[in-house]
Amino acid sequence: MEKMRIGLELRSLNNMIRRYFEFSSHKNEIETITGNNGWIIGYLADNADKDIYQKDLEDHFTITRSTASKVLSLMEQKGLIQRQAVAQDARLKKLVLTEKAWKIKGLMREDAERMERTLTNGFTEEEVETLYSYLQRMRTNISNMNPALS
């Protein structure tokens, strides 16, 4: 396989996954959610026991400060998150999911689990772990090539 095709295949697969979620069985219930909103809701839910700030999202999702700020402002307008002051530093605002976001999280989890089962159908557990390690290595390669991308 040509090396140049790997990026194309990953992009194509990413587009297919995005379209799957756009037409999911819960589309009506979660129609206000964009792809980025969904990933952020998932991250905040998975880390609900910790204080998560905008900087944490920037680092985790490798997005710029301005992108994170815009996405979070829109999520706040949609009633998905609240920014709450913290006692140790009034300038810091931790990100907290609203009840609406928690409900959406449950629906999205169902869709995501279905997608994961579909993606890994026919793979052994070892093959899935190997694929994951390859994907992680690709991320590292790109980060090493240009640290601004990590």
N, C-alpha and C. Protein backbone atom coordinates (compact mmCIF):
# COMPACT_ATOMS: atom_id res chain seq x y z
N MET A 1 0.85 -1.19 0.00
CA MET A 1 0.00 0.00 0.00
C MET A 1 0.88 1.24 0.00
N GLU A 2 0.52 2.21 -0.77
CA GLU A 2 1.27 3.45 -0.85
C GLU A 2 1.15 4.22 0.47
N LYS A 3 2.24 4.82 0.89
CA LYS A 3 2.23 5.61 2.12
C LYS A 3 1.25 6.77 2.03
N MET A 4 1.13 7.36 0.86
CA MET A 4 0.26 8.52 0.69
C MET A 4 -1.21 8.16 0.91
N ARG A 5 -1.58 6.93 0.76
CA ARG A 5 -2.97 6.54 0.88
C ARG A 5 -3.42 6.42 2.34
N ILE A 6 -2.50 6.28 3.26
CA ILE A 6 -2.90 6.12 4.66
C ILE A 6 -3.68 7.34 5.13
N GLY A 7 -3.16 8.51 4.86
CA GLY A 7 -3.87 9.74 5.25
C GLY A 7 -5.23 9.84 4.60
N LEU A 8 -5.29 9.49 3.33
CA LEU A 8 -6.56 9.51 2.60
C LEU A 8 -7.56 8.54 3.20
N GLU A 9 -7.10 7.34 3.53
CA GLU A 9 -7.98 6.34 4.13
C GLU A 9 -8.47 6.79 5.50
N LEU A 10 -7.58 7.38 6.30
CA LEU A 10 -7.99 7.86 7.62
C LEU A 10 -9.01 8.99 7.49
N ARG A 11 -8.78 9.88 6.54
CA ARG A 11 -9.73 10.98 6.33
C ARG A 11 -11.08 10.45 5.87
N SER A 12 -11.06 9.49 4.97
CA SER A 12 -12.30 8.90 4.47
C SER A 12 -13.06 8.21 5.60
N LEU A 13 -12.34 7.46 6.42
CA LEU A 13 -12.97 6.78 7.55
C LEU A 13 -13.54 7.80 8.53
N ASN A 14 -12.80 8.87 8.79
CA ASN A 14 -13.28 9.93 9.67
C ASN A 14 -14.58 10.53 9.14
N ASN A 15 -14.64 10.78 7.84
CA ASN A 15 -15.86 11.33 7.24
C ASN A 15 -17.03 10.36 7.38
N MET A 16 -16.78 9.07 7.19
CA MET A 16 -17.84 8.08 7.32
C MET A 16 -18.36 8.02 8.76
N ILE A 17 -17.46 8.09 9.71
CA ILE A 17 -17.85 8.06 11.13
C ILE A 17 -18.68 9.31 11.45
N ARG A 18 -18.23 10.46 10.97
CA ARG A 18 -18.97 11.70 11.21
C ARG A 18 -20.39 11.61 10.64
N ARG A 19 -20.50 11.09 9.42
CA ARG A 19 -21.83 10.96 8.80
C ARG A 19 -22.71 9.98 9.58
N TYR A 20 -22.11 8.91 10.08
CA TYR A 20 -22.86 7.95 10.89
C TYR A 20 -23.51 8.66 12.07
N PHE A 21 -22.73 9.47 12.77
CA PHE A 21 -23.27 10.17 13.93
C PHE A 21 -24.29 11.23 13.55
N GLU A 22 -24.12 11.83 12.38
CA GLU A 22 -25.09 12.82 11.92
C GLU A 22 -26.45 12.20 11.65
N PHE A 23 -26.48 10.92 11.30
CA PHE A 23 -27.73 10.24 10.99
C PHE A 23 -28.04 9.14 12.00
N SER A 24 -27.58 9.31 13.23
CA SER A 24 -27.78 8.29 14.26
C SER A 24 -29.26 8.18 14.63
N SER A 25 -29.56 7.10 15.32
CA SER A 25 -30.95 6.87 15.73
C SER A 25 -31.45 7.91 16.73
N HIS A 26 -30.53 8.61 17.38
CA HIS A 26 -30.92 9.62 18.36
C HIS A 26 -30.79 11.04 17.81
N LYS A 27 -30.76 11.16 16.50
CA LYS A 27 -30.52 12.46 15.87
C LYS A 27 -31.49 13.53 16.37
N ASN A 28 -32.76 13.21 16.49
CA ASN A 28 -33.73 14.22 16.92
C ASN A 28 -33.46 14.72 18.33
N GLU A 29 -33.04 13.81 19.22
CA GLU A 29 -32.79 14.21 20.60
C GLU A 29 -31.50 15.02 20.76
N ILE A 30 -30.56 14.81 19.85
CA ILE A 30 -29.26 15.46 20.01
C ILE A 30 -28.91 16.34 18.81
N GLU A 31 -29.93 16.88 18.16
CA GLU A 31 -29.71 17.64 16.92
C GLU A 31 -28.86 18.89 17.10
N THR A 32 -28.81 19.45 18.30
CA THR A 32 -28.04 20.68 18.49
C THR A 32 -26.55 20.41 18.71
N ILE A 33 -26.17 19.15 18.75
CA ILE A 33 -24.80 18.79 19.08
C ILE A 33 -23.96 18.63 17.82
N THR A 34 -22.85 19.35 17.76
CA THR A 34 -21.90 19.13 16.67
C THR A 34 -20.91 18.06 17.13
N GLY A 35 -20.10 17.58 16.22
CA GLY A 35 -19.12 16.55 16.57
C GLY A 35 -18.22 16.96 17.71
N ASN A 36 -17.69 18.19 17.64
CA ASN A 36 -16.81 18.66 18.71
C ASN A 36 -17.53 18.74 20.04
N ASN A 37 -18.79 19.18 20.02
CA ASN A 37 -19.57 19.24 21.26
C ASN A 37 -19.67 17.86 21.89
N GLY A 38 -19.91 16.87 21.06
CA GLY A 38 -20.05 15.50 21.55
C GLY A 38 -18.79 14.99 22.22
N TRP A 39 -17.64 15.23 21.59
CA TRP A 39 -16.38 14.79 22.18
C TRP A 39 -16.11 15.51 23.49
N ILE A 40 -16.43 16.79 23.55
CA ILE A 40 -16.20 17.57 24.77
C ILE A 40 -17.13 17.10 25.88
N ILE A 41 -18.39 16.86 25.56
CA ILE A 41 -19.32 16.34 26.56
C ILE A 41 -18.79 15.01 27.10
N GLY A 42 -18.34 14.15 26.21
CA GLY A 42 -17.80 12.86 26.63
C GLY A 42 -16.60 13.02 27.55
N TYR A 43 -15.70 13.92 27.20
CA TYR A 43 -14.50 14.14 28.01
C TYR A 43 -14.88 14.69 29.39
N LEU A 44 -15.78 15.66 29.42
CA LEU A 44 -16.19 16.23 30.71
C LEU A 44 -16.91 15.20 31.56
N ALA A 45 -17.73 14.37 30.94
CA ALA A 45 -18.44 13.33 31.69
C ALA A 45 -17.46 12.30 32.25
N ASP A 46 -16.50 11.89 31.43
CA ASP A 46 -15.52 10.90 31.88
C ASP A 46 -14.61 11.43 32.98
N ASN A 47 -14.51 12.75 33.08
CA ASN A 47 -13.66 13.38 34.09
C ASN A 47 -14.47 14.22 35.08
N ALA A 48 -15.71 13.83 35.30
CA ALA A 48 -16.61 14.60 36.16
C ALA A 48 -16.10 14.69 37.60
N ASP A 49 -15.22 13.78 37.99
CA ASP A 49 -14.68 13.80 39.35
C ASP A 49 -13.50 14.78 39.50
N LYS A 50 -13.14 15.46 38.40
CA LYS A 50 -12.02 16.40 38.42
C LYS A 50 -12.50 17.78 37.99
N ASP A 51 -11.74 18.78 38.35
CA ASP A 51 -12.00 20.12 37.83
C ASP A 51 -11.33 20.21 36.46
N ILE A 52 -12.13 20.46 35.43
CA ILE A 52 -11.62 20.58 34.07
C ILE A 52 -11.81 22.02 33.61
N TYR A 53 -10.74 22.57 33.03
CA TYR A 53 -10.74 23.94 32.57
C TYR A 53 -10.54 23.98 31.05
N GLN A 54 -10.73 25.15 30.48
CA GLN A 54 -10.57 25.30 29.03
C GLN A 54 -9.19 24.80 28.58
N LYS A 55 -8.16 25.10 29.32
CA LYS A 55 -6.79 24.69 28.96
C LYS A 55 -6.69 23.17 28.85
N ASP A 56 -7.40 22.46 29.71
CA ASP A 56 -7.38 20.99 29.66
C ASP A 56 -7.95 20.50 28.33
N LEU A 57 -9.02 21.14 27.87
CA LEU A 57 -9.62 20.77 26.58
C LEU A 57 -8.67 21.09 25.43
N GLU A 58 -8.03 22.24 25.50
CA GLU A 58 -7.07 22.63 24.46
C GLU A 58 -5.98 21.57 24.34
N ASP A 59 -5.46 21.13 25.47
CA ASP A 59 -4.39 20.13 25.47
C ASP A 59 -4.90 18.76 25.01
N HIS A 60 -6.02 18.34 25.54
CA HIS A 60 -6.53 17.00 25.23
C HIS A 60 -6.92 16.85 23.76
N PHE A 61 -7.58 17.86 23.21
CA PHE A 61 -8.08 17.78 21.84
C PHE A 61 -7.16 18.47 20.82
N THR A 62 -6.03 18.95 21.29
CA THR A 62 -5.07 19.67 20.44
C THR A 62 -5.76 20.73 19.59
N ILE A 63 -6.48 21.61 20.28
CA ILE A 63 -7.15 22.73 19.62
C ILE A 63 -6.58 24.04 20.16
N THR A 64 -6.74 25.09 19.39
CA THR A 64 -6.22 26.39 19.81
C THR A 64 -7.12 27.01 20.88
N ARG A 65 -6.57 28.00 21.56
CA ARG A 65 -7.33 28.70 22.59
C ARG A 65 -8.57 29.35 22.00
N SER A 66 -8.43 29.97 20.82
CA SER A 66 -9.58 30.66 20.21
C SER A 66 -10.66 29.66 19.80
N THR A 67 -10.26 28.51 19.27
CA THR A 67 -11.25 27.48 18.90
C THR A 67 -11.98 26.99 20.14
N ALA A 68 -11.22 26.68 21.19
CA ALA A 68 -11.84 26.21 22.43
C ALA A 68 -12.80 27.25 22.99
N SER A 69 -12.40 28.50 22.98
CA SER A 69 -13.24 29.57 23.50
C SER A 69 -14.55 29.67 22.73
N LYS A 70 -14.47 29.62 21.40
CA LYS A 70 -15.67 29.70 20.57
C LYS A 70 -16.60 28.52 20.81
N VAL A 71 -16.03 27.31 20.82
CA VAL A 71 -16.83 26.10 21.01
C VAL A 71 -17.51 26.13 22.38
N LEU A 72 -16.77 26.50 23.41
CA LEU A 72 -17.34 26.52 24.76
C LEU A 72 -18.41 27.60 24.90
N SER A 73 -18.22 28.74 24.27
CA SER A 73 -19.24 29.79 24.32
C SER A 73 -20.54 29.31 23.67
N LEU A 74 -20.42 28.64 22.53
CA LEU A 74 -21.61 28.10 21.87
C LEU A 74 -22.27 27.01 22.72
N MET A 75 -21.47 26.17 23.35
CA MET A 75 -22.03 25.12 24.20
C MET A 75 -22.75 25.73 25.39
N GLU A 76 -22.22 26.82 25.91
CA GLU A 76 -22.87 27.52 27.02
C GLU A 76 -24.21 28.10 26.55
N GLN A 77 -24.23 28.70 25.37
CA GLN A 77 -25.47 29.25 24.81
C GLN A 77 -26.52 28.16 24.59
N LYS A 78 -26.08 26.96 24.23
CA LYS A 78 -27.00 25.84 23.99
C LYS A 78 -27.46 25.18 25.29
N GLY A 79 -26.92 25.63 26.41
CA GLY A 79 -27.31 25.07 27.70
C GLY A 79 -26.67 23.73 27.98
N LEU A 80 -25.49 23.48 27.42
CA LEU A 80 -24.81 22.20 27.60
C LEU A 80 -23.76 22.23 28.71
N ILE A 81 -23.17 23.39 28.92
CA ILE A 81 -22.17 23.52 29.98
C ILE A 81 -22.40 24.80 30.76
N GLN A 82 -21.80 24.82 31.94
CA GLN A 82 -21.73 26.04 32.75
C GLN A 82 -20.27 26.25 33.10
N ARG A 83 -19.87 27.50 33.18
CA ARG A 83 -18.52 27.83 33.64
C ARG A 83 -18.67 28.33 35.07
N GLN A 84 -18.04 27.62 35.99
CA GLN A 84 -18.17 27.95 37.41
C GLN A 84 -16.83 28.40 37.98
N ALA A 85 -16.87 29.47 38.75
CA ALA A 85 -15.66 29.97 39.40
C ALA A 85 -15.19 28.95 40.43
N VAL A 86 -13.88 28.94 40.66
CA VAL A 86 -13.31 28.05 41.67
C VAL A 86 -12.73 28.89 42.80
N ALA A 87 -12.73 28.34 43.99
CA ALA A 87 -12.34 29.09 45.18
C ALA A 87 -10.89 29.58 45.13
N GLN A 88 -9.98 28.73 44.63
CA GLN A 88 -8.56 29.08 44.70
C GLN A 88 -8.13 30.17 43.72
N ASP A 89 -8.92 30.43 42.67
CA ASP A 89 -8.54 31.45 41.69
C ASP A 89 -9.79 31.91 40.95
N ALA A 90 -10.23 33.12 41.25
CA ALA A 90 -11.48 33.63 40.66
C ALA A 90 -11.40 33.78 39.15
N ARG A 91 -10.17 33.83 38.61
CA ARG A 91 -10.02 33.95 37.15
C ARG A 91 -10.32 32.64 36.44
N LEU A 92 -10.13 31.54 37.15
CA LEU A 92 -10.36 30.22 36.55
C LEU A 92 -11.83 29.86 36.59
N LYS A 93 -12.31 29.26 35.52
CA LYS A 93 -13.69 28.79 35.46
C LYS A 93 -13.67 27.31 35.08
N LYS A 94 -14.14 26.47 35.99
CA LYS A 94 -14.19 25.05 35.65
C LYS A 94 -15.43 24.80 34.79
N LEU A 95 -15.35 23.79 33.97
CA LEU A 95 -16.42 23.45 33.04
C LEU A 95 -17.26 22.33 33.64
N VAL A 96 -18.56 22.56 33.69
CA VAL A 96 -19.48 21.60 34.31
C VAL A 96 -20.62 21.33 33.33
N LEU A 97 -20.94 20.05 33.16
CA LEU A 97 -22.05 19.68 32.29
C LEU A 97 -23.39 19.99 32.94
N THR A 98 -24.35 20.40 32.13
CA THR A 98 -25.71 20.62 32.62
C THR A 98 -26.48 19.30 32.57
N GLU A 99 -27.67 19.29 33.16
CA GLU A 99 -28.52 18.10 33.12
C GLU A 99 -28.84 17.72 31.67
N LYS A 100 -29.07 18.73 30.85
CA LYS A 100 -29.35 18.48 29.43
C LYS A 100 -28.18 17.73 28.77
N ALA A 101 -26.97 18.14 29.07
CA ALA A 101 -25.79 17.50 28.49
C ALA A 101 -25.64 16.07 28.98
N TRP A 102 -25.95 15.81 30.26
CA TRP A 102 -25.85 14.45 30.80
C TRP A 102 -26.84 13.52 30.09
N LYS A 103 -28.03 14.01 29.80
CA LYS A 103 -29.01 13.20 29.07
C LYS A 103 -28.48 12.87 27.67
N ILE A 104 -27.97 13.89 27.01
CA ILE A 104 -27.42 13.71 25.67
C ILE A 104 -26.24 12.75 25.71
N LYS A 105 -25.43 12.83 26.76
CA LYS A 105 -24.27 11.94 26.90
C LYS A 105 -24.70 10.48 26.87
N GLY A 106 -25.78 10.16 27.56
CA GLY A 106 -26.27 8.78 27.56
C GLY A 106 -26.65 8.30 26.17
N LEU A 107 -27.33 9.15 25.42
CA LEU A 107 -27.73 8.80 24.05
C LEU A 107 -26.51 8.66 23.15
N MET A 108 -25.57 9.57 23.31
CA MET A 108 -24.35 9.51 22.50
C MET A 108 -23.54 8.27 22.81
N ARG A 109 -23.53 7.87 24.07
CA ARG A 109 -22.77 6.66 24.46
C ARG A 109 -23.33 5.45 23.74
N GLU A 110 -24.65 5.36 23.66
CA GLU A 110 -25.26 4.24 22.93
C GLU A 110 -24.78 4.23 21.48
N ASP A 111 -24.81 5.39 20.84
CA ASP A 111 -24.37 5.49 19.44
C ASP A 111 -22.88 5.16 19.31
N ALA A 112 -22.07 5.67 20.23
CA ALA A 112 -20.62 5.44 20.16
C ALA A 112 -20.28 3.97 20.36
N GLU A 113 -20.97 3.32 21.30
CA GLU A 113 -20.72 1.89 21.52
C GLU A 113 -21.09 1.07 20.29
N ARG A 114 -22.19 1.46 19.65
CA ARG A 114 -22.59 0.78 18.41
C ARG A 114 -21.54 0.98 17.33
N MET A 115 -21.02 2.21 17.23
CA MET A 115 -19.98 2.50 16.24
C MET A 115 -18.71 1.70 16.52
N GLU A 116 -18.29 1.65 17.78
CA GLU A 116 -17.08 0.88 18.13
C GLU A 116 -17.25 -0.59 17.78
N ARG A 117 -18.42 -1.15 18.06
CA ARG A 117 -18.66 -2.55 17.71
C ARG A 117 -18.58 -2.75 16.20
N THR A 118 -19.13 -1.79 15.45
CA THR A 118 -19.11 -1.88 13.99
C THR A 118 -17.67 -1.76 13.47
N LEU A 119 -16.92 -0.80 13.98
CA LEU A 119 -15.54 -0.60 13.52
C LEU A 119 -14.66 -1.82 13.80
N THR A 120 -14.87 -2.47 14.92
CA THR A 120 -13.99 -3.57 15.32
C THR A 120 -14.56 -4.94 15.00
N ASN A 121 -15.69 -4.98 14.32
CA ASN A 121 -16.31 -6.25 13.93
C ASN A 121 -15.32 -7.07 13.09
N GLY A 122 -15.09 -8.30 13.49
CA GLY A 122 -14.18 -9.17 12.76
C GLY A 122 -12.72 -9.05 13.18
N PHE A 123 -12.41 -8.14 14.09
CA PHE A 123 -11.05 -7.98 14.60
C PHE A 123 -10.91 -8.76 15.91
N THR A 124 -9.74 -9.34 16.12
CA THR A 124 -9.46 -9.92 17.43
C THR A 124 -9.10 -8.78 18.38
N GLU A 125 -9.12 -9.07 19.67
CA GLU A 125 -8.73 -8.06 20.65
C GLU A 125 -7.28 -7.61 20.42
N GLU A 126 -6.44 -8.56 20.07
CA GLU A 126 -5.03 -8.24 19.80
C GLU A 126 -4.91 -7.32 18.57
N GLU A 127 -5.70 -7.57 17.54
CA GLU A 127 -5.66 -6.72 16.35
C GLU A 127 -6.11 -5.29 16.67
N VAL A 128 -7.13 -5.17 17.51
CA VAL A 128 -7.60 -3.85 17.90
C VAL A 128 -6.51 -3.11 18.68
N GLU A 129 -5.86 -3.80 19.60
CA GLU A 129 -4.77 -3.18 20.37
C GLU A 129 -3.62 -2.78 19.46
N THR A 130 -3.29 -3.62 18.48
CA THR A 130 -2.22 -3.30 17.53
C THR A 130 -2.59 -2.08 16.70
N LEU A 131 -3.82 -2.05 16.20
CA LEU A 131 -4.27 -0.90 15.41
C LEU A 131 -4.18 0.38 16.24
N TYR A 132 -4.64 0.31 17.48
CA TYR A 132 -4.58 1.48 18.35
C TYR A 132 -3.14 1.95 18.54
N SER A 133 -2.22 1.01 18.73
CA SER A 133 -0.81 1.40 18.91
C SER A 133 -0.26 2.06 17.64
N TYR A 134 -0.68 1.58 16.47
CA TYR A 134 -0.25 2.21 15.21
C TYR A 134 -0.79 3.63 15.11
N LEU A 135 -2.05 3.81 15.45
CA LEU A 135 -2.65 5.15 15.38
C LEU A 135 -1.95 6.10 16.35
N GLN A 136 -1.64 5.62 17.55
CA GLN A 136 -0.92 6.45 18.52
C GLN A 136 0.46 6.83 17.98
N ARG A 137 1.12 5.87 17.34
CA ARG A 137 2.44 6.14 16.77
C ARG A 137 2.35 7.19 15.67
N MET A 138 1.31 7.13 14.85
CA MET A 138 1.11 8.13 13.80
C MET A 138 0.93 9.52 14.40
N ARG A 139 0.15 9.60 15.49
CA ARG A 139 -0.03 10.89 16.17
C ARG A 139 1.30 11.42 16.67
N THR A 140 2.09 10.53 17.26
CA THR A 140 3.41 10.92 17.77
C THR A 140 4.30 11.40 16.63
N ASN A 141 4.28 10.68 15.51
CA ASN A 141 5.09 11.08 14.35
C ASN A 141 4.74 12.49 13.89
N ILE A 142 3.46 12.78 13.81
CA ILE A 142 3.03 14.10 13.36
C ILE A 142 3.41 15.16 14.40
N SER A 143 3.23 14.84 15.68
CA SER A 143 3.61 15.78 16.74
C SER A 143 5.10 16.08 16.72
N ASN A 144 5.91 15.04 16.48
CA ASN A 144 7.36 15.24 16.43
C ASN A 144 7.78 16.06 15.22
N MET A 145 7.04 15.93 14.13
CA MET A 145 7.35 16.68 12.92
C MET A 145 7.08 18.17 13.13
N ASN A 146 5.98 18.44 13.86
CA ASN A 146 5.60 19.83 14.10
C ASN A 146 4.98 19.92 15.49
N PRO A 147 5.77 20.29 16.50
CA PRO A 147 5.26 20.35 17.88
C PRO A 147 4.02 21.22 18.05
N ALA A 148 3.80 22.16 17.16
CA ALA A 148 2.62 23.02 17.27
C ALA A 148 1.34 22.22 17.05
N LEU A 149 1.44 21.03 16.47
CA LEU A 149 0.26 20.21 16.21
C LEU A 149 -0.13 19.35 17.40
N SER A 150 0.72 19.25 18.39
CA SER A 150 0.39 18.38 19.53
C SER A 150 -0.31 19.11 20.64
